[in-house]
Amino acid sequence: MGFIAEIHLVHDELPLAATIERQSSVTLRYEYEMTTDDRRIQFVSAFDDEYGALEETLASDPTVSELDCIATFENRAIYRIVVDTDLQIVPAQCAEYGLFVFTVTSANGGWVIRAHLPGRDALTAFRKWCRDREISFRVNQLYDSSVSDDRAYFLTERQHEILTVAYYAGYFEVPRDVTQDALAERLDISDSAVSQRLRRAISELITATLENNCTPAEYS
């Protein structure tokens, strides 16, 4: 039972708040946190095509005391960050109420948490914790957890943008109403960037929506 909530948190002293504000086109995903030798260490994924400007911003972020890129992939980099702030994105006390976090991602100048809560007491406790610390707390969505949680896919802001623009411009119509070159011009990016973002976004959606018991061998 219970319900699923999407909660938007904003505060200048939340981890990476300055980076989220300055690098709004980059999607950050909080992975997990651990404490060692009185240091809070967070692992964060960044989804972008180029990381130079992001790393400069992270290095100057007042909530970051140490920064280390531990892995890079085609469309993702993973950072190990020593956090220098007293505020937490998800307070440890929430575990006592059974709050389970699905994802924590950056959006709209703050962090968006998708979580399962066993009851309204957990949501009330989380809201009180945030408001006691003057953290802006807004519930974007709230629905019964008996509804299938089919939103397991993850699109970056740029992937979401390219799919939205392409769809409404008629790129997926037969025949197409707009060319890939026209999409590139509309978004002020290269033709190859349009192709890459479309492929990655469509791949992410296919991975999330195909039946899990179907293996590639069945279609070879």
Protein backbone atom coordinates (compact mmCIF):
# COMPACT_ATOMS: atom_id res chain seq x y z
CA MET A 1 0.00 0.00 0.00
CA GLY A 2 1.10 3.59 0.52
CA PHE A 3 1.69 6.13 -2.21
CA ILE A 4 4.34 7.54 -4.51
CA ALA A 5 5.33 11.19 -4.30
CA GLU A 6 7.39 13.51 -6.47
CA ILE A 7 8.80 16.24 -4.23
CA HIS A 8 10.72 19.34 -5.29
CA LEU A 9 13.25 20.79 -2.80
CA VAL A 10 15.04 24.14 -3.11
CA HIS A 11 17.54 25.81 -0.78
CA ASP A 12 20.80 27.66 -1.42
CA GLU A 13 22.68 25.37 0.96
CA LEU A 14 21.45 22.02 -0.30
CA PRO A 15 24.28 19.98 -1.86
CA LEU A 16 25.24 21.28 -5.34
CA ALA A 17 22.59 24.02 -5.25
CA ALA A 18 24.88 26.55 -6.95
CA THR A 19 25.87 24.05 -9.65
CA ILE A 20 22.22 23.22 -10.39
CA GLU A 21 21.44 26.93 -10.77
CA ARG A 22 24.43 27.71 -13.02
CA GLN A 23 24.36 24.51 -15.10
CA SER A 24 20.61 24.13 -15.60
CA SER A 25 21.04 22.26 -18.90
CA VAL A 26 22.94 19.44 -17.17
CA THR A 27 20.95 16.79 -15.34
CA LEU A 28 22.48 15.57 -12.08
CA ARG A 29 21.40 12.39 -10.34
CA TYR A 30 22.21 11.79 -6.69
CA GLU A 31 23.26 8.16 -6.29
CA TYR A 32 24.11 7.63 -2.62
CA GLU A 33 25.96 9.08 0.37
CA MET A 34 28.26 7.76 3.07
CA THR A 35 30.07 9.30 6.03
CA THR A 36 33.68 8.53 6.89
CA ASP A 37 36.10 10.38 9.19
CA ASP A 38 33.46 13.08 9.72
CA ARG A 39 33.27 13.68 5.97
CA ARG A 40 30.09 13.36 3.91
CA ILE A 41 30.87 11.71 0.60
CA GLN A 42 28.29 11.72 -2.18
CA PHE A 43 28.33 9.97 -5.53
CA VAL A 44 26.55 11.91 -8.25
CA SER A 45 25.99 11.14 -11.93
CA ALA A 46 25.99 13.93 -14.50
CA PHE A 47 24.30 13.52 -17.87
CA ASP A 48 25.71 15.77 -20.57
CA ASP A 49 27.75 15.81 -23.78
CA GLU A 50 30.70 17.81 -22.39
CA TYR A 51 31.89 18.14 -18.81
CA GLY A 52 34.52 20.91 -18.78
CA ALA A 53 32.17 23.75 -17.78
CA LEU A 54 30.36 21.52 -15.31
CA GLU A 55 33.56 20.58 -13.49
CA GLU A 56 34.60 24.23 -13.23
CA THR A 57 31.24 25.03 -11.67
CA LEU A 58 31.44 22.07 -9.29
CA ALA A 59 34.92 23.11 -8.20
CA SER A 60 33.62 26.58 -7.24
CA ASP A 61 30.41 25.34 -5.62
CA PRO A 62 30.45 26.40 -1.92
CA THR A 63 28.86 23.08 -0.90
CA VAL A 64 31.74 21.08 -2.44
CA SER A 65 35.10 20.76 -0.68
CA GLU A 66 36.57 17.94 -2.80
CA LEU A 67 35.76 16.70 -6.29
CA ASP A 68 36.90 13.64 -8.19
CA CYS A 69 35.58 12.24 -11.48
CA ILE A 70 35.78 8.47 -11.02
CA ALA A 71 34.25 7.28 -14.30
CA THR A 72 33.03 8.57 -17.65
CA PHE A 73 30.81 6.90 -20.20
CA GLU A 74 29.27 7.96 -23.52
CA ASN A 75 26.57 10.11 -21.96
CA ARG A 76 27.36 10.03 -18.25
CA ALA A 77 30.08 10.94 -15.77
CA ILE A 78 30.21 9.84 -12.14
CA TYR A 79 31.67 12.17 -9.50
CA ARG A 80 32.81 11.51 -5.96
CA ILE A 81 32.10 14.67 -3.97
CA VAL A 82 32.96 15.62 -0.41
CA VAL A 83 30.03 17.76 0.67
CA ASP A 84 30.50 20.87 2.81
CA THR A 85 26.98 21.71 4.03
CA ASP A 86 24.81 20.75 6.98
CA LEU A 87 21.71 20.21 4.84
CA GLN A 88 20.76 16.83 3.42
CA ILE A 89 18.69 16.08 0.33
CA VAL A 90 17.00 13.16 2.07
CA PRO A 91 17.44 13.22 5.87
CA ALA A 92 18.36 9.97 7.57
CA GLN A 93 15.33 10.35 9.84
CA CYS A 94 13.08 9.53 6.87
CA ALA A 95 14.20 5.91 7.04
CA GLU A 96 12.42 5.60 10.38
CA TYR A 97 9.15 6.34 8.60
CA GLY A 98 9.79 3.83 5.81
CA LEU A 99 10.45 6.34 3.03
CA PHE A 100 12.07 4.60 0.04
CA VAL A 101 13.75 6.74 -2.60
CA PHE A 102 13.55 5.75 -6.28
CA THR A 103 15.45 8.67 -7.79
CA VAL A 104 16.86 12.07 -6.86
CA THR A 105 17.53 14.32 -9.86
CA SER A 106 18.16 18.01 -10.45
CA ALA A 107 15.40 20.09 -12.04
CA ASN A 108 13.94 23.60 -11.88
CA GLY A 109 16.65 25.02 -9.65
CA GLY A 110 16.57 22.25 -7.05
CA TRP A 111 16.32 18.52 -6.39
CA VAL A 112 13.34 16.36 -7.34
CA ILE A 113 12.79 13.23 -5.24
CA ARG A 114 10.59 10.34 -6.36
CA ALA A 115 9.85 8.18 -3.37
CA HIS A 116 7.48 5.60 -1.96
CA LEU A 117 5.91 6.44 1.39
CA PRO A 118 3.93 3.97 3.47
CA GLY A 119 1.56 6.68 4.71
CA ARG A 120 0.97 10.38 5.14
CA ASP A 121 2.85 10.44 8.44
CA ALA A 122 6.09 9.92 6.51
CA LEU A 123 5.29 12.79 4.15
CA THR A 124 4.33 15.04 7.05
CA ALA A 125 7.56 14.27 8.90
CA PHE A 126 9.66 14.94 5.77
CA ARG A 127 7.85 18.25 5.13
CA LYS A 128 8.31 19.35 8.74
CA TRP A 129 12.03 18.52 8.65
CA CYS A 130 12.43 20.64 5.51
CA ARG A 131 10.35 23.58 6.70
CA ASP A 132 12.17 23.67 10.04
CA ARG A 133 15.31 24.33 7.96
CA GLU A 134 13.59 26.75 5.55
CA ILE A 135 13.89 24.35 2.63
CA SER A 136 11.24 24.96 -0.01
CA PHE A 137 9.10 21.78 -0.09
CA ARG A 138 6.60 21.27 -2.92
CA VAL A 139 4.76 18.09 -3.85
CA ASN A 140 4.56 17.94 -7.65
CA GLN A 141 2.73 14.61 -7.85
CA LEU A 142 1.10 12.25 -5.38
CA TYR A 143 -0.61 9.01 -6.38
CA ASP A 144 -1.55 5.63 -5.00
CA SER A 145 1.26 3.10 -5.17
CA SER A 146 -1.18 0.47 -6.45
CA VAL A 147 -0.79 2.25 -9.78
CA SER A 148 1.93 0.52 -11.79
CA ASP A 149 5.24 2.34 -11.46
CA ASP A 150 6.12 2.29 -15.14
CA ARG A 151 8.35 5.41 -15.03
CA ALA A 152 11.59 3.52 -14.49
CA TYR A 153 13.27 5.10 -17.50
CA PHE A 154 15.52 8.14 -17.19
CA LEU A 155 15.78 10.89 -19.80
CA THR A 156 18.12 13.83 -19.51
CA GLU A 157 16.69 17.32 -20.00
CA ARG A 158 18.27 17.52 -23.47
CA GLN A 159 16.91 14.11 -24.48
CA HIS A 160 13.45 15.12 -23.28
CA GLU A 161 13.74 18.35 -25.27
CA ILE A 162 14.80 16.68 -28.51
CA LEU A 163 12.01 14.09 -28.31
CA THR A 164 9.40 16.75 -27.56
CA VAL A 165 10.51 19.08 -30.36
CA ALA A 166 10.85 16.21 -32.84
CA TYR A 167 7.42 14.80 -31.99
CA TYR A 168 5.48 18.06 -32.24
CA ALA A 169 7.38 19.13 -35.35
CA GLY A 170 6.26 15.95 -37.11
CA TYR A 171 9.63 14.20 -37.28
CA PHE A 172 8.02 10.83 -36.52
CA GLU A 173 5.19 11.23 -39.05
CA VAL A 174 5.12 9.19 -42.27
CA PRO A 175 6.27 10.93 -44.35
CA ARG A 176 8.23 13.25 -42.07
CA ASP A 177 7.08 16.85 -41.76
CA VAL A 178 10.54 18.05 -40.73
CA THR A 179 14.09 16.92 -41.47
CA GLN A 180 16.89 16.24 -39.04
CA ASP A 181 18.72 19.27 -40.41
CA ALA A 182 15.69 21.44 -39.64
CA LEU A 183 15.58 20.11 -36.08
CA ALA A 184 19.28 20.92 -35.68
CA GLU A 185 18.70 24.46 -36.89
CA ARG A 186 15.69 24.92 -34.61
CA LEU A 187 17.66 23.73 -31.55
CA ASP A 188 20.87 25.47 -32.62
CA ILE A 189 22.92 22.28 -32.43
CA SER A 190 24.73 20.14 -34.97
CA ASP A 191 23.05 17.49 -37.10
CA SER A 192 25.17 14.81 -35.44
CA ALA A 193 24.08 16.02 -31.97
CA VAL A 194 20.42 15.67 -33.01
CA SER A 195 21.08 12.14 -34.23
CA GLN A 196 22.94 11.10 -31.08
CA ARG A 197 20.38 12.54 -28.65
CA LEU A 198 17.48 10.98 -30.53
CA ARG A 199 19.15 7.56 -30.60
CA ARG A 200 20.02 7.67 -26.90
CA ALA A 201 16.56 8.89 -25.86
CA ILE A 202 14.75 6.30 -27.97
CA SER A 203 17.08 3.57 -26.70
CA GLU A 204 16.32 4.54 -23.10
CA LEU A 205 12.57 4.39 -23.72
CA ILE A 206 12.80 1.04 -25.54
CA THR A 207 14.89 -0.45 -22.73
CA ALA A 208 12.29 0.62 -20.17
CA THR A 209 9.19 -0.46 -22.10
CA LEU A 210 10.08 -3.79 -23.74
CA GLU A 211 9.11 -6.88 -21.80
CA ASN A 212 11.87 -7.99 -19.44
CA ASN A 213 11.51 -11.66 -20.35
CA CYS A 214 12.29 -11.02 -24.01
CA THR A 215 15.93 -11.59 -24.85
CA PRO A 216 17.80 -10.32 -27.93
CA ALA A 217 18.25 -13.92 -29.11
CA GLU A 218 14.50 -14.22 -29.63
CA TYR A 219 14.66 -11.50 -32.29
CA SER A 220 17.97 -12.32 -33.97
